[in-house]
Amino acid sequence: MGLIPSITRTNGRVRDYCEEDLHWIIFIKSMRSAGLSVKSLIHYTILSQQGTKTKIERKHFLSKAKAELVGKNDDLQKTIGQLELKIKDLS
């Protein structure tokens, strides 16, 4: 699918995950849970595989994703506050 870089395989063709692979999987999983699209994460994976020449573009991608998540978090916090008030009114 392109979400994670190629995983090394043993002679028996079994995937042999290293520490870096596991960190990458955790990163992708958390980004998906936060709502980033598969398409955007594939794009980020491709950029990452291209090395240091894409460092600025990757930093921009991550900064933009962070800003969007901070905005969503602010909205969620406001909604939680409203729910707390409603729950308190019912007590």
C-alpha atoms as a PDB file:
ATOM      1  CA  MET A   1       0.000   0.000   0.000  1.00  0.00           C
ATOM      2  CA  GLY A   2       2.992   2.285   0.479  1.00  0.00           C
ATOM      3  CA  LEU A   3       2.376   3.431   4.053  1.00  0.00           C
ATOM      4  CA  ILE A   4       5.562   1.906   5.379  1.00  0.00           C
ATOM      5  CA  PRO A   5       8.946   1.476   3.720  1.00  0.00           C
ATOM      6  CA  SER A   6       9.953  -1.992   2.561  1.00  0.00           C
ATOM      7  CA  ILE A   7      10.506  -4.437   5.395  1.00  0.00           C
ATOM      8  CA  THR A   8      13.541  -6.715   5.267  1.00  0.00           C
ATOM      9  CA  ARG A   9      12.698 -10.399   4.873  1.00  0.00           C
ATOM     10  CA  THR A  10      14.533 -13.482   6.071  1.00  0.00           C
ATOM     11  CA  ASN A  11      15.663 -16.234   3.699  1.00  0.00           C
ATOM     12  CA  GLY A  12      12.313 -17.903   4.402  1.00  0.00           C
ATOM     13  CA  ARG A  13      10.558 -14.699   3.189  1.00  0.00           C
ATOM     14  CA  VAL A  14       9.301 -13.882   6.707  1.00  0.00           C
ATOM     15  CA  ARG A  15       9.222 -10.169   7.511  1.00  0.00           C
ATOM     16  CA  ASP A  16      12.068  -9.207   9.851  1.00  0.00           C
ATOM     17  CA  TYR A  17      11.012  -5.984  11.602  1.00  0.00           C
ATOM     18  CA  CYS A  18      13.756  -3.847  13.101  1.00  0.00           C
ATOM     19  CA  GLU A  19      13.328  -1.123  15.739  1.00  0.00           C
ATOM     20  CA  GLU A  20      13.074   1.601  13.065  1.00  0.00           C
ATOM     21  CA  ASP A  21      10.297  -0.330  11.274  1.00  0.00           C
ATOM     22  CA  LEU A  22       8.319  -0.544  14.504  1.00  0.00           C
ATOM     23  CA  HIS A  23       8.711   3.184  15.158  1.00  0.00           C
ATOM     24  CA  TRP A  24       7.497   3.886  11.628  1.00  0.00           C
ATOM     25  CA  ILE A  25       4.436   1.658  12.091  1.00  0.00           C
ATOM     26  CA  ILE A  26       3.591   3.354  15.401  1.00  0.00           C
ATOM     27  CA  PHE A  27       3.940   6.774  13.726  1.00  0.00           C
ATOM     28  CA  ILE A  28       1.676   5.859  10.796  1.00  0.00           C
ATOM     29  CA  LYS A  29      -0.886   4.234  13.088  1.00  0.00           C
ATOM     30  CA  SER A  30      -1.075   7.316  15.319  1.00  0.00           C
ATOM     31  CA  MET A  31      -1.354   9.651  12.318  1.00  0.00           C
ATOM     32  CA  ARG A  32      -4.223   7.554  10.936  1.00  0.00           C
ATOM     33  CA  SER A  33      -5.932   7.591  14.340  1.00  0.00           C
ATOM     34  CA  ALA A  34      -5.602  11.371  14.335  1.00  0.00           C
ATOM     35  CA  GLY A  35      -7.365  11.541  10.980  1.00  0.00           C
ATOM     36  CA  LEU A  36      -4.600  11.985   8.419  1.00  0.00           C
ATOM     37  CA  SER A  37      -5.473  10.410   5.097  1.00  0.00           C
ATOM     38  CA  VAL A  38      -3.784   7.327   3.699  1.00  0.00           C
ATOM     39  CA  LYS A  39      -2.943   9.309   0.566  1.00  0.00           C
ATOM     40  CA  SER A  40      -1.148  12.047   2.514  1.00  0.00           C
ATOM     41  CA  LEU A  41       0.770   9.490   4.579  1.00  0.00           C
ATOM     42  CA  ILE A  42       1.857   7.616   1.462  1.00  0.00           C
ATOM     43  CA  HIS A  43       3.132  10.946   0.144  1.00  0.00           C
ATOM     44  CA  TYR A  44       5.048  11.500   3.395  1.00  0.00           C
ATOM     45  CA  THR A  45       6.508   7.974   3.215  1.00  0.00           C
ATOM     46  CA  ILE A  46       7.726   8.597  -0.326  1.00  0.00           C
ATOM     47  CA  LEU A  47       9.303  11.883   0.757  1.00  0.00           C
ATOM     48  CA  SER A  48      10.977  10.182   3.692  1.00  0.00           C
ATOM     49  CA  GLN A  49      12.490   7.521   1.450  1.00  0.00           C
ATOM     50  CA  GLN A  50      14.049  10.253  -0.695  1.00  0.00           C
ATOM     51  CA  GLY A  51      16.285  11.312   2.168  1.00  0.00           C
ATOM     52  CA  THR A  52      17.604  14.693   3.230  1.00  0.00           C
ATOM     53  CA  LYS A  53      16.677  16.473   0.006  1.00  0.00           C
ATOM     54  CA  THR A  54      13.016  16.423   1.143  1.00  0.00           C
ATOM     55  CA  LYS A  55      13.698  17.531   4.710  1.00  0.00           C
ATOM     56  CA  ILE A  56      12.070  20.966   4.264  1.00  0.00           C
ATOM     57  CA  GLU A  57       8.994  19.511   2.556  1.00  0.00           C
ATOM     58  CA  ARG A  58       8.609  16.864   5.294  1.00  0.00           C
ATOM     59  CA  LYS A  59       8.959  19.499   7.997  1.00  0.00           C
ATOM     60  CA  HIS A  60       6.242  21.568   6.295  1.00  0.00           C
ATOM     61  CA  PHE A  61       3.990  18.486   6.057  1.00  0.00           C
ATOM     62  CA  LEU A  62       4.432  17.683   9.758  1.00  0.00           C
ATOM     63  CA  SER A  63       3.977  21.313  10.824  1.00  0.00           C
ATOM     64  CA  LYS A  64       0.764  21.574   8.824  1.00  0.00           C
ATOM     65  CA  ALA A  65      -0.538  18.293  10.287  1.00  0.00           C
ATOM     66  CA  LYS A  66       0.301  19.496  13.791  1.00  0.00           C
ATOM     67  CA  ALA A  67      -1.494  22.826  13.257  1.00  0.00           C
ATOM     68  CA  GLU A  68      -4.601  21.012  12.004  1.00  0.00           C
ATOM     69  CA  LEU A  69      -4.549  18.657  14.995  1.00  0.00           C
ATOM     70  CA  VAL A  70      -4.101  21.541  17.439  1.00  0.00           C
ATOM     71  CA  GLY A  71      -7.164  23.197  15.873  1.00  0.00           C
ATOM     72  CA  LYS A  72      -9.176  19.988  16.176  1.00  0.00           C
ATOM     73  CA  ASN A  73      -8.022  19.605  19.777  1.00  0.00           C
ATOM     74  CA  ASP A  74      -9.158  23.142  20.590  1.00  0.00           C
ATOM     75  CA  ASP A  75     -12.561  22.359  19.089  1.00  0.00           C
ATOM     76  CA  LEU A  76     -12.775  19.104  21.054  1.00  0.00           C
ATOM     77  CA  GLN A  77     -11.857  20.872  24.295  1.00  0.00           C
ATOM     78  CA  LYS A  78     -14.637  23.419  23.724  1.00  0.00           C
ATOM     79  CA  THR A  79     -17.109  20.625  23.035  1.00  0.00           C
ATOM     80  CA  ILE A  80     -16.004  18.759  26.165  1.00  0.00           C
ATOM     81  CA  GLY A  81     -16.532  21.958  28.154  1.00  0.00           C
ATOM     82  CA  GLN A  82     -20.055  22.271  26.782  1.00  0.00           C
ATOM     83  CA  LEU A  83     -20.794  18.653  27.643  1.00  0.00           C
ATOM     84  CA  GLU A  84     -19.495  19.143  31.171  1.00  0.00           C
ATOM     85  CA  LEU A  85     -21.840  22.108  31.626  1.00  0.00           C
ATOM     86  CA  LYS A  86     -24.804  20.113  30.341  1.00  0.00           C
ATOM     87  CA  ILE A  87     -23.936  17.172  32.601  1.00  0.00           C
ATOM     88  CA  LYS A  88     -23.588  19.526  35.573  1.00  0.00           C
ATOM     89  CA  ASP A  89     -27.009  21.069  34.782  1.00  0.00           C
ATOM     90  CA  LEU A  90     -28.513  17.571  34.991  1.00  0.00           C
ATOM     91  CA  SER A  91     -26.985  16.808  38.397  1.00  0.00           C
END
